Amino acid sequence: MTRYAYVDKDKSEIIEIHDSLPTSWQNYSNFNLMDVDALRELGWYPIVEPGPPPEHNYLFDTVDNVFTVGAENVYSRYVIRPHDPQTDQEKRSIYMNVVRGTRGHMLQASDWTMLPDMIESKGEAWKTQWASYRQQLRDFPAQLESLPIEELPNFEDLQWPTQPSA
């Protein structure tokens, strides 16, 4: 799906960015059915997307989407900007966001263990092991929240709950 930017052509300035064209705009009905050249004439430029964001460290970097107006298109590119946390509270917030994100992925990867047909085929003891593991994952961030910032372990050193054998 092509995204579009509404551009002030005189200033080469982006006014709005839309994931899809509106069906009507100003006095134009069926606006979304117009061809690309007619849209450009009105200041609606297609956005050329860069693809998936580059690999980066979510703890230390932010990826921003930057737009540049060209002659016939708006070009999107990614810019990696380092986080610059100033206070211990900002550092803790970034750290805990990464911990919670990782925990969320681990919970999602184990969702299949709670499906009724899996529990039925594997038994109650198996279900209890996986339910316990999933609860340990949910409780994991709380163990870190009370630690002073200087005592928070490196991510590589975190001792996550051990997944039961499938």
Protein backbone atom coordinates (compact mmCIF):
# COMPACT_ATOMS: atom_id res chain seq x y z
CA MET A 1 0.00 0.00 0.00
CA THR A 2 1.40 3.36 -1.00
CA ARG A 3 1.41 6.14 1.54
CA TYR A 4 1.00 9.73 0.39
CA ALA A 5 2.18 13.10 1.64
CA TYR A 6 0.33 16.31 0.98
CA VAL A 7 3.01 18.86 0.09
CA ASP A 8 3.07 22.64 -0.18
CA LYS A 9 4.82 22.64 -3.56
CA ASP A 10 5.94 26.28 -3.32
CA LYS A 11 7.81 25.66 -0.06
CA SER A 12 8.63 21.96 -0.64
CA GLU A 13 7.15 21.37 2.80
CA ILE A 14 5.12 18.38 3.95
CA ILE A 15 1.72 19.37 5.34
CA GLU A 16 0.26 15.92 6.09
CA ILE A 17 1.15 12.24 5.74
CA HIS A 18 -1.58 9.66 5.09
CA ASP A 19 -1.45 5.87 5.13
CA SER A 20 -4.22 5.86 2.51
CA LEU A 21 -5.76 8.53 0.34
CA PRO A 22 -9.06 10.04 1.45
CA THR A 23 -12.05 9.16 -0.74
CA SER A 24 -12.87 12.84 -1.10
CA TRP A 25 -10.74 15.93 -0.65
CA GLN A 26 -11.70 19.58 -1.00
CA ASN A 27 -14.17 19.54 -3.95
CA TYR A 28 -12.89 16.26 -5.43
CA SER A 29 -14.99 13.13 -5.02
CA ASN A 30 -13.47 9.71 -5.77
CA PHE A 31 -10.18 11.40 -4.95
CA ASN A 32 -8.60 8.07 -4.11
CA LEU A 33 -9.24 6.85 -7.68
CA MET A 34 -7.17 9.59 -9.35
CA ASP A 35 -3.96 8.66 -11.16
CA VAL A 36 -0.56 9.52 -9.71
CA ASP A 37 0.11 12.44 -12.08
CA ALA A 38 -3.20 14.13 -11.21
CA LEU A 39 -2.48 13.64 -7.50
CA ARG A 40 1.01 15.16 -7.89
CA GLU A 41 -0.52 18.16 -9.66
CA LEU A 42 -2.64 18.73 -6.54
CA GLY A 43 0.34 18.35 -4.20
CA TRP A 44 -0.17 14.72 -3.19
CA TYR A 45 3.14 12.88 -3.61
CA PRO A 46 3.66 9.14 -3.16
CA ILE A 47 6.11 8.22 -0.41
CA VAL A 48 9.03 6.01 -1.43
CA GLU A 49 9.62 3.76 1.58
CA PRO A 50 13.10 2.54 2.61
CA GLY A 51 12.10 -1.01 3.65
CA PRO A 52 12.44 -2.45 7.15
CA PRO A 53 14.28 -0.41 9.79
CA PRO A 54 18.00 -1.14 10.17
CA GLU A 55 19.31 -3.31 12.96
CA HIS A 56 19.99 -1.26 16.07
CA ASN A 57 20.22 -1.57 19.82
CA TYR A 58 16.80 -0.69 21.20
CA LEU A 59 18.30 0.16 24.56
CA PHE A 60 20.68 2.77 23.25
CA ASP A 61 19.14 3.95 19.96
CA THR A 62 15.92 5.37 18.57
CA VAL A 63 14.99 5.02 14.91
CA ASP A 64 13.33 8.08 13.42
CA ASN A 65 11.61 8.21 10.04
CA VAL A 66 12.76 11.32 8.14
CA PHE A 67 11.00 12.58 5.01
CA THR A 68 12.49 14.55 2.12
CA VAL A 69 10.45 16.18 -0.66
CA GLY A 70 11.71 15.37 -4.15
CA ALA A 71 10.53 16.52 -7.58
CA GLU A 72 7.90 13.78 -7.93
CA ASN A 73 8.00 11.80 -4.69
CA VAL A 74 8.55 12.12 -0.98
CA TYR A 75 11.45 9.95 0.15
CA SER A 76 11.48 8.30 3.54
CA ARG A 77 14.68 7.22 5.26
CA TYR A 78 15.65 5.99 8.69
CA VAL A 79 17.94 7.89 11.01
CA ILE A 80 19.35 6.14 14.06
CA ARG A 81 19.59 8.55 16.97
CA PRO A 82 21.28 7.53 20.23
CA HIS A 83 19.28 7.78 23.42
CA ASP A 84 20.80 10.28 25.73
CA PRO A 85 19.22 9.56 29.10
CA GLN A 86 20.17 12.24 31.58
CA THR A 87 18.70 11.01 34.84
CA ASP A 88 18.64 7.66 36.61
CA GLN A 89 14.87 7.64 36.12
CA GLU A 90 15.28 7.92 32.31
CA LYS A 91 17.93 5.17 32.33
CA ARG A 92 15.68 2.90 34.43
CA SER A 93 12.73 3.59 32.14
CA ILE A 94 14.70 2.57 29.03
CA TYR A 95 16.10 -0.50 30.78
CA MET A 96 12.70 -1.66 32.03
CA ASN A 97 11.06 -1.07 28.63
CA VAL A 98 13.58 -3.43 27.04
CA VAL A 99 13.08 -6.01 29.82
CA ARG A 100 9.29 -5.85 29.43
CA GLY A 101 9.58 -6.08 25.64
CA THR A 102 11.80 -9.16 25.86
CA ARG A 103 9.46 -10.69 28.44
CA GLY A 104 6.51 -10.01 26.12
CA HIS A 105 8.21 -11.85 23.28
CA MET A 106 8.95 -14.80 25.56
CA LEU A 107 5.33 -14.94 26.72
CA GLN A 108 4.10 -14.74 23.14
CA ALA A 109 6.45 -17.55 22.11
CA SER A 110 4.89 -19.76 24.79
CA ASP A 111 1.22 -18.90 24.11
CA TRP A 112 0.77 -22.21 22.30
CA THR A 113 1.23 -24.06 25.59
CA MET A 114 -2.08 -22.72 26.90
CA LEU A 115 -4.19 -23.96 23.99
CA PRO A 116 -6.87 -26.41 25.18
CA ASP A 117 -5.85 -29.17 22.74
CA MET A 118 -2.20 -28.99 23.91
CA ILE A 119 -3.25 -29.20 27.56
CA GLU A 120 -5.56 -32.10 26.78
CA SER A 121 -2.83 -34.04 24.96
CA LYS A 122 0.02 -33.24 27.39
CA GLY A 123 -1.81 -33.41 30.73
CA GLU A 124 -2.31 -31.29 33.83
CA ALA A 125 1.28 -31.65 35.14
CA TRP A 126 2.61 -30.27 31.84
CA LYS A 127 0.08 -27.42 31.96
CA THR A 128 1.09 -26.57 35.53
CA GLN A 129 4.79 -26.39 34.58
CA TRP A 130 4.11 -24.03 31.68
CA ALA A 131 1.63 -21.92 33.65
CA SER A 132 4.25 -21.56 36.40
CA TYR A 133 6.93 -20.56 33.86
CA ARG A 134 4.62 -17.98 32.31
CA GLN A 135 3.80 -16.53 35.75
CA GLN A 136 7.52 -16.32 36.54
CA LEU A 137 7.97 -14.34 33.31
CA ARG A 138 5.15 -11.98 34.29
CA ASP A 139 6.73 -11.44 37.73
CA PHE A 140 10.30 -11.08 36.44
CA PRO A 141 10.41 -7.27 35.87
CA ALA A 142 9.28 -6.61 39.46
CA GLN A 143 12.50 -8.21 40.73
CA LEU A 144 14.52 -5.58 38.87
CA GLU A 145 12.42 -2.51 39.62
CA SER A 146 13.55 -2.34 43.24
CA LEU A 147 17.28 -2.59 42.46
CA PRO A 148 19.36 0.60 42.46
CA ILE A 149 20.26 1.65 38.92
CA GLU A 150 23.96 0.82 39.41
CA GLU A 151 23.05 -2.77 40.41
CA LEU A 152 20.94 -3.58 37.36
CA PRO A 153 22.65 -6.43 35.49
CA ASN A 154 23.69 -6.22 31.85
CA PHE A 155 21.06 -7.69 29.55
CA GLU A 156 23.38 -10.54 28.64
CA ASP A 157 23.63 -11.45 32.35
CA LEU A 158 19.90 -11.49 33.13
CA GLN A 159 18.78 -14.81 34.65
CA TRP A 160 15.42 -15.35 32.96
CA PRO A 161 13.11 -18.13 34.20
CA THR A 162 13.94 -21.50 32.66
CA GLN A 163 11.48 -22.76 30.09
CA PRO A 164 10.08 -26.25 30.82
CA SER A 165 10.95 -28.99 28.36
CA ALA A 166 8.28 -29.38 25.69
